[in-house]
PDB file of all heavy atoms in Angstrom:
ATOM      1  N   THR A   1      12.203   3.897   3.218  1.00  0.00           N
ATOM      2  CA  THR A   1      11.877   5.266   2.810  1.00  0.00           C
ATOM      3  C   THR A   1      10.368   5.469   2.763  1.00  0.00           C
ATOM      4  O   THR A   1       9.840   6.464   3.262  1.00  0.00           O
ATOM      5  CB  THR A   1      12.485   5.578   1.428  1.00  0.00           C
ATOM      6  OG1 THR A   1      13.896   5.406   1.493  1.00  0.00           O
ATOM      7  CG2 THR A   1      12.186   7.007   1.004  1.00  0.00           C
ATOM      8  N   VAL A   2       9.657   4.506   2.181  1.00  0.00           N
ATOM      9  CA  VAL A   2       8.196   4.589   2.108  1.00  0.00           C
ATOM     10  C   VAL A   2       7.608   4.511   3.510  1.00  0.00           C
ATOM     11  O   VAL A   2       6.640   5.204   3.835  1.00  0.00           O
ATOM     12  CB  VAL A   2       7.629   3.466   1.216  1.00  0.00           C
ATOM     13  CG1 VAL A   2       6.114   3.489   1.214  1.00  0.00           C
ATOM     14  CG2 VAL A   2       8.152   3.613  -0.213  1.00  0.00           C
ATOM     15  N   ARG A   3       8.187   3.670   4.356  1.00  0.00           N
ATOM     16  CA  ARG A   3       7.710   3.509   5.733  1.00  0.00           C
ATOM     17  C   ARG A   3       7.725   4.839   6.484  1.00  0.00           C
ATOM     18  O   ARG A   3       6.870   5.121   7.322  1.00  0.00           O
ATOM     19  CB  ARG A   3       8.584   2.490   6.448  1.00  0.00           C
ATOM     20  CG  ARG A   3       8.170   2.153   7.866  1.00  0.00           C
ATOM     21  CD  ARG A   3       9.185   1.213   8.489  1.00  0.00           C
ATOM     22  NE  ARG A   3       8.772   0.788   9.819  1.00  0.00           N
ATOM     23  CZ  ARG A   3       8.977   1.489  10.916  1.00  0.00           C
ATOM     24  NH1 ARG A   3       9.552   2.681  10.841  1.00  0.00           N
ATOM     25  NH2 ARG A   3       8.589   1.023  12.105  1.00  0.00           N
ATOM     26  N   LYS A   4       8.713   5.673   6.193  1.00  0.00           N
ATOM     27  CA  LYS A   4       8.841   6.978   6.845  1.00  0.00           C
ATOM     28  C   LYS A   4       8.033   8.064   6.143  1.00  0.00           C
ATOM     29  O   LYS A   4       8.152   9.244   6.469  1.00  0.00           O
ATOM     30  CB  LYS A   4      10.311   7.385   6.888  1.00  0.00           C
ATOM     31  CG  LYS A   4      11.195   6.459   7.708  1.00  0.00           C
ATOM     32  CD  LYS A   4      12.650   6.872   7.592  1.00  0.00           C
ATOM     33  CE  LYS A   4      13.565   5.906   8.341  1.00  0.00           C
ATOM     34  NZ  LYS A   4      15.004   6.255   8.156  1.00  0.00           N
ATOM     35  N   ASP A   5       7.204   7.687   5.152  1.00  0.00           N
ATOM     36  CA  ASP A   5       6.445   8.651   4.363  1.00  0.00           C
ATOM     37  C   ASP A   5       7.372   9.658   3.694  1.00  0.00           C
ATOM     38  O   ASP A   5       7.092  10.852   3.627  1.00  0.00           O
ATOM     39  CB  ASP A   5       5.414   9.379   5.235  1.00  0.00           C
ATOM     40  CG  ASP A   5       4.459  10.247   4.408  1.00  0.00           C
ATOM     41  OD1 ASP A   5       4.286   9.945   3.209  1.00  0.00           O
ATOM     42  OD2 ASP A   5       3.908  11.221   4.961  1.00  0.00           O
ATOM     43  N   ALA A   6       8.524   9.157   3.221  1.00  0.00           N
ATOM     44  CA  ALA A   6       9.509  10.021   2.570  1.00  0.00           C
ATOM     45  C   ALA A   6       9.599   9.743   1.077  1.00  0.00           C
ATOM     46  O   ALA A   6      10.565  10.132   0.428  1.00  0.00           O
ATOM     47  CB  ALA A   6      10.879   9.824   3.222  1.00  0.00           C
ATOM     48  N   ALA A   7       8.597   9.065   0.536  1.00  0.00           N
ATOM     49  CA  ALA A   7       8.584   8.747  -0.895  1.00  0.00           C
ATOM     50  C   ALA A   7       7.232   9.155  -1.472  1.00  0.00           C
ATOM     51  O   ALA A   7       6.360   8.305  -1.663  1.00  0.00           O
ATOM     52  CB  ALA A   7       8.844   7.257  -1.126  1.00  0.00           C
ATOM     53  N   PRO A   8       7.016  10.446  -1.720  1.00  0.00           N
ATOM     54  CA  PRO A   8       5.713  10.906  -2.230  1.00  0.00           C
ATOM     55  C   PRO A   8       5.304  10.130  -3.476  1.00  0.00           C
ATOM     56  O   PRO A   8       6.122   9.878  -4.370  1.00  0.00           O
ATOM     57  CB  PRO A   8       5.981  12.381  -2.566  1.00  0.00           C
ATOM     58  CG  PRO A   8       7.118  12.767  -1.675  1.00  0.00           C
ATOM     59  CD  PRO A   8       7.980  11.545  -1.570  1.00  0.00           C
ATOM     60  N   GLY A   9       4.044   9.738  -3.507  1.00  0.00           N
ATOM     61  CA  GLY A   9       3.543   8.990  -4.655  1.00  0.00           C
ATOM     62  C   GLY A   9       3.490   7.500  -4.447  1.00  0.00           C
ATOM     63  O   GLY A   9       2.890   6.776  -5.245  1.00  0.00           O
ATOM     64  N   ARG A  10       4.102   7.023  -3.364  1.00  0.00           N
ATOM     65  CA  ARG A  10       4.058   5.594  -3.057  1.00  0.00           C
ATOM     66  C   ARG A  10       3.627   5.409  -1.604  1.00  0.00           C
ATOM     67  O   ARG A  10       3.950   6.222  -0.745  1.00  0.00           O
ATOM     68  CB  ARG A  10       5.415   4.927  -3.303  1.00  0.00           C
ATOM     69  CG  ARG A  10       5.812   4.918  -4.772  1.00  0.00           C
ATOM     70  CD  ARG A  10       7.050   4.089  -4.992  1.00  0.00           C
ATOM     71  NE  ARG A  10       8.204   4.670  -4.310  1.00  0.00           N
ATOM     72  CZ  ARG A  10       9.360   4.025  -4.135  1.00  0.00           C
ATOM     73  NH1 ARG A  10       9.498   2.785  -4.567  1.00  0.00           N
ATOM     74  NH2 ARG A  10      10.367   4.605  -3.523  1.00  0.00           N
ATOM     75  N   ILE A  11       2.916   4.312  -1.346  1.00  0.00           N
ATOM     76  CA  ILE A  11       2.379   4.067  -0.010  1.00  0.00           C
ATOM     77  C   ILE A  11       2.676   2.639   0.410  1.00  0.00           C
ATOM     78  O   ILE A  11       2.770   1.733  -0.431  1.00  0.00           O
ATOM     79  CB  ILE A  11       0.860   4.358   0.029  1.00  0.00           C
ATOM     80  CG1 ILE A  11       0.354   4.482   1.464  1.00  0.00           C
ATOM     81  CG2 ILE A  11       0.069   3.290  -0.735  1.00  0.00           C
ATOM     82  CD1 ILE A  11      -1.051   5.058   1.555  1.00  0.00           C
ATOM     83  N   MET A  12       2.831   2.444   1.718  1.00  0.00           N
ATOM     84  CA  MET A  12       3.108   1.120   2.279  1.00  0.00           C
ATOM     85  C   MET A  12       1.798   0.481   2.717  1.00  0.00           C
ATOM     86  O   MET A  12       1.005   1.091   3.433  1.00  0.00           O
ATOM     87  CB  MET A  12       4.053   1.282   3.473  1.00  0.00           C
ATOM     88  CG  MET A  12       4.422   0.006   4.188  1.00  0.00           C
ATOM     89  SD  MET A  12       5.640   0.395   5.488  1.00  0.00           S
ATOM     90  CE  MET A  12       5.702  -1.146   6.364  1.00  0.00           C
ATOM     91  N   VAL A  13       1.578  -0.741   2.265  1.00  0.00           N
ATOM     92  CA  VAL A  13       0.365  -1.493   2.604  1.00  0.00           C
ATOM     93  C   VAL A  13       0.793  -2.737   3.363  1.00  0.00           C
ATOM     94  O   VAL A  13       1.627  -3.504   2.878  1.00  0.00           O
ATOM     95  CB  VAL A  13      -0.414  -1.891   1.331  1.00  0.00           C
ATOM     96  CG1 VAL A  13      -1.621  -2.742   1.685  1.00  0.00           C
ATOM     97  CG2 VAL A  13      -0.822  -0.657   0.546  1.00  0.00           C
ATOM     98  N   GLU A  14       0.250  -2.939   4.572  1.00  0.00           N
ATOM     99  CA  GLU A  14       0.622  -4.140   5.326  1.00  0.00           C
ATOM    100  C   GLU A  14      -0.571  -4.691   6.086  1.00  0.00           C
ATOM    101  O   GLU A  14      -1.398  -3.954   6.596  1.00  0.00           O
ATOM    102  CB  GLU A  14       1.776  -3.844   6.290  1.00  0.00           C
ATOM    103  CG  GLU A  14       1.571  -2.675   7.211  1.00  0.00           C
ATOM    104  CD  GLU A  14       2.757  -2.469   8.143  1.00  0.00           C
ATOM    105  OE1 GLU A  14       3.356  -3.481   8.572  1.00  0.00           O
ATOM    106  OE2 GLU A  14       3.082  -1.323   8.450  1.00  0.00           O
ATOM    107  N   GLY A  15      -0.651  -6.013   6.107  1.00  0.00           N
ATOM    108  CA  GLY A  15      -1.740  -6.669   6.809  1.00  0.00           C
ATOM    109  C   GLY A  15      -2.675  -7.405   5.873  1.00  0.00           C
ATOM    110  O   GLY A  15      -2.683  -7.197   4.655  1.00  0.00           O
ATOM    111  N   ALA A  16      -3.517  -8.269   6.444  1.00  0.00           N
ATOM    112  CA  ALA A  16      -4.396  -9.129   5.658  1.00  0.00           C
ATOM    113  C   ALA A  16      -5.521  -8.361   4.986  1.00  0.00           C
ATOM    114  O   ALA A  16      -5.676  -8.405   3.759  1.00  0.00           O
ATOM    115  CB  ALA A  16      -4.963 -10.236   6.554  1.00  0.00           C
ATOM    116  N   TRP A  17      -6.366  -7.660   5.787  1.00  0.00           N
ATOM    117  CA  TRP A  17      -7.496  -6.976   5.152  1.00  0.00           C
ATOM    118  C   TRP A  17      -7.000  -5.866   4.238  1.00  0.00           C
ATOM    119  O   TRP A  17      -7.640  -5.561   3.210  1.00  0.00           O
ATOM    120  CB  TRP A  17      -8.478  -6.445   6.185  1.00  0.00           C
ATOM    121  CG  TRP A  17      -8.066  -5.197   6.912  1.00  0.00           C
ATOM    122  CD1 TRP A  17      -7.592  -5.103   8.167  1.00  0.00           C
ATOM    123  CD2 TRP A  17      -8.141  -3.853   6.416  1.00  0.00           C
ATOM    124  NE1 TRP A  17      -7.330  -3.794   8.494  1.00  0.00           N
ATOM    125  CE2 TRP A  17      -7.660  -2.999   7.442  1.00  0.00           C
ATOM    126  CE3 TRP A  17      -8.559  -3.278   5.209  1.00  0.00           C
ATOM    127  CZ2 TRP A  17      -7.580  -1.614   7.302  1.00  0.00           C
ATOM    128  CZ3 TRP A  17      -8.485  -1.891   5.069  1.00  0.00           C
ATOM    129  CH2 TRP A  17      -7.993  -1.072   6.100  1.00  0.00           C
ATOM    130  N   GLU A  18      -5.855  -5.255   4.568  1.00  0.00           N
ATOM    131  CA  GLU A  18      -5.306  -4.206   3.708  1.00  0.00           C
ATOM    132  C   GLU A  18      -4.960  -4.768   2.327  1.00  0.00           C
ATOM    133  O   GLU A  18      -5.189  -4.119   1.301  1.00  0.00           O
ATOM    134  CB  GLU A  18      -4.060  -3.601   4.361  1.00  0.00           C
ATOM    135  CG  GLU A  18      -4.337  -2.751   5.589  1.00  0.00           C
ATOM    136  CD  GLU A  18      -4.349  -3.547   6.887  1.00  0.00           C
ATOM    137  OE1 GLU A  18      -4.429  -4.805   6.830  1.00  0.00           O
ATOM    138  OE2 GLU A  18      -4.273  -2.923   7.959  1.00  0.00           O
ATOM    139  N   HIS A  19      -4.440  -5.981   2.308  1.00  0.00           N
ATOM    140  CA  HIS A  19      -4.126  -6.597   1.014  1.00  0.00           C
ATOM    141  C   HIS A  19      -5.379  -7.097   0.303  1.00  0.00           C
ATOM    142  O   HIS A  19      -5.420  -7.142  -0.934  1.00  0.00           O
ATOM    143  CB  HIS A  19      -3.093  -7.705   1.192  1.00  0.00           C
ATOM    144  CG  HIS A  19      -1.683  -7.189   1.262  1.00  0.00           C
ATOM    145  ND1 HIS A  19      -1.152  -6.662   2.417  1.00  0.00           N
ATOM    146  CD2 HIS A  19      -0.722  -7.072   0.302  1.00  0.00           C
ATOM    147  CE1 HIS A  19       0.086  -6.264   2.176  1.00  0.00           C
ATOM    148  NE2 HIS A  19       0.374  -6.498   0.910  1.00  0.00           N
ATOM    149  N   ASP A  20      -6.414  -7.462   1.067  1.00  0.00           N
ATOM    150  CA  ASP A  20      -7.689  -7.784   0.425  1.00  0.00           C
ATOM    151  C   ASP A  20      -8.221  -6.560  -0.324  1.00  0.00           C
ATOM    152  O   ASP A  20      -8.724  -6.666  -1.449  1.00  0.00           O
ATOM    153  CB  ASP A  20      -8.711  -8.241   1.469  1.00  0.00           C
ATOM    154  CG  ASP A  20      -8.428  -9.639   2.002  1.00  0.00           C
ATOM    155  OD1 ASP A  20      -7.692 -10.384   1.321  1.00  0.00           O
ATOM    156  OD2 ASP A  20      -8.924  -9.963   3.087  1.00  0.00           O
ATOM    157  N   GLN A  21      -8.113  -5.387   0.307  1.00  0.00           N
ATOM    158  CA  GLN A  21      -8.532  -4.148  -0.359  1.00  0.00           C
ATOM    159  C   GLN A  21      -7.662  -3.869  -1.579  1.00  0.00           C
ATOM    160  O   GLN A  21      -8.150  -3.433  -2.618  1.00  0.00           O
ATOM    161  CB  GLN A  21      -8.454  -2.974   0.617  1.00  0.00           C
ATOM    162  CG  GLN A  21      -9.409  -3.058   1.791  1.00  0.00           C
ATOM    163  CD  GLN A  21     -10.856  -3.108   1.325  1.00  0.00           C
ATOM    164  OE1 GLN A  21     -11.534  -4.133   1.473  1.00  0.00           O
ATOM    165  NE2 GLN A  21     -11.333  -2.034   0.747  1.00  0.00           N
ATOM    166  N   LEU A  22      -6.396  -4.105  -1.441  1.00  0.00           N
ATOM    167  CA  LEU A  22      -5.480  -3.902  -2.566  1.00  0.00           C
ATOM    168  C   LEU A  22      -5.860  -4.779  -3.745  1.00  0.00           C
ATOM    169  O   LEU A  22      -5.867  -4.332  -4.905  1.00  0.00           O
ATOM    170  CB  LEU A  22      -4.047  -4.190  -2.113  1.00  0.00           C
ATOM    171  CG  LEU A  22      -2.958  -4.146  -3.190  1.00  0.00           C
ATOM    172  CD1 LEU A  22      -2.891  -2.778  -3.839  1.00  0.00           C
ATOM    173  CD2 LEU A  22      -1.600  -4.525  -2.585  1.00  0.00           C
ATOM    174  N   LEU A  23      -6.211  -6.026  -3.474  1.00  0.00           N
ATOM    175  CA  LEU A  23      -6.570  -6.953  -4.549  1.00  0.00           C
ATOM    176  C   LEU A  23      -7.849  -6.547  -5.273  1.00  0.00           C
ATOM    177  O   LEU A  23      -8.032  -6.872  -6.447  1.00  0.00           O
ATOM    178  CB  LEU A  23      -6.720  -8.368  -3.977  1.00  0.00           C
ATOM    179  CG  LEU A  23      -5.411  -9.067  -3.609  1.00  0.00           C
ATOM    180  CD1 LEU A  23      -5.674 -10.291  -2.745  1.00  0.00           C
ATOM    181  CD2 LEU A  23      -4.630  -9.449  -4.870  1.00  0.00           C
ATOM    182  N   THR A  24      -8.743  -5.825  -4.588  1.00  0.00           N
ATOM    183  CA  THR A  24      -9.975  -5.384  -5.243  1.00  0.00           C
ATOM    184  C   THR A  24      -9.796  -4.069  -5.998  1.00  0.00           C
ATOM    185  O   THR A  24     -10.703  -3.641  -6.705  1.00  0.00           O
ATOM    186  CB  THR A  24     -11.113  -5.201  -4.215  1.00  0.00           C
ATOM    187  OG1 THR A  24     -10.768  -4.150  -3.301  1.00  0.00           O
ATOM    188  CG2 THR A  24     -11.370  -6.483  -3.454  1.00  0.00           C
ATOM    189  N   SER A  25      -8.637  -3.433  -5.839  1.00  0.00           N
ATOM    190  CA  SER A  25      -8.432  -2.106  -6.431  1.00  0.00           C
ATOM    191  C   SER A  25      -7.943  -2.144  -7.872  1.00  0.00           C
ATOM    192  O   SER A  25      -7.922  -1.121  -8.544  1.00  0.00           O
ATOM    193  CB  SER A  25      -7.413  -1.325  -5.601  1.00  0.00           C
ATOM    194  OG  SER A  25      -6.099  -1.843  -5.796  1.00  0.00           O
ATOM    195  N   ALA A  26      -7.505  -3.278  -8.332  1.00  0.00           N
ATOM    196  CA  ALA A  26      -6.943  -3.429  -9.685  1.00  0.00           C
ATOM    197  C   ALA A  26      -5.641  -2.659  -9.846  1.00  0.00           C
ATOM    198  O   ALA A  26      -5.213  -2.372 -10.965  1.00  0.00           O
ATOM    199  CB  ALA A  26      -7.953  -2.984 -10.754  1.00  0.00           C
ATOM    200  N   ILE A  27      -4.987  -2.319  -8.733  1.00  0.00           N
ATOM    201  CA  ILE A  27      -3.680  -1.669  -8.776  1.00  0.00           C
ATOM    202  C   ILE A  27      -2.632  -2.690  -8.369  1.00  0.00           C
ATOM    203  O   ILE A  27      -2.734  -3.328  -7.323  1.00  0.00           O
ATOM    204  CB  ILE A  27      -3.636  -0.451  -7.838  1.00  0.00           C
ATOM    205  CG1 ILE A  27      -4.590   0.625  -8.355  1.00  0.00           C
ATOM    206  CG2 ILE A  27      -2.220   0.098  -7.711  1.00  0.00           C
ATOM    207  CD1 ILE A  27      -4.662   1.854  -7.483  1.00  0.00           C
ATOM    208  N   ASP A  28      -1.617  -2.856  -9.202  1.00  0.00           N
ATOM    209  CA  ASP A  28      -0.585  -3.851  -8.948  1.00  0.00           C
ATOM    210  C   ASP A  28       0.531  -3.260  -8.087  1.00  0.00           C
ATOM    211  O   ASP A  28       0.993  -2.142  -8.331  1.00  0.00           O
ATOM    212  CB  ASP A  28       0.020  -4.354 -10.262  1.00  0.00           C
ATOM    213  CG  ASP A  28      -0.998  -5.097 -11.116  1.00  0.00           C
ATOM    214  OD1 ASP A  28      -1.977  -5.609 -10.534  1.00  0.00           O
ATOM    215  OD2 ASP A  28      -0.806  -5.164 -12.347  1.00  0.00           O
TER     216      ASP A  28
END
C-alpha cells in the first residue's frame, strides 16, 4: 500500500544511502 503511495502519512524508504539519511533523522 505504501509502495503505491496509497497510505498518506507514511513513506517507503529503500536503499543504503536512504537508510543512512534515515538514521541521521532521529525518526524510527
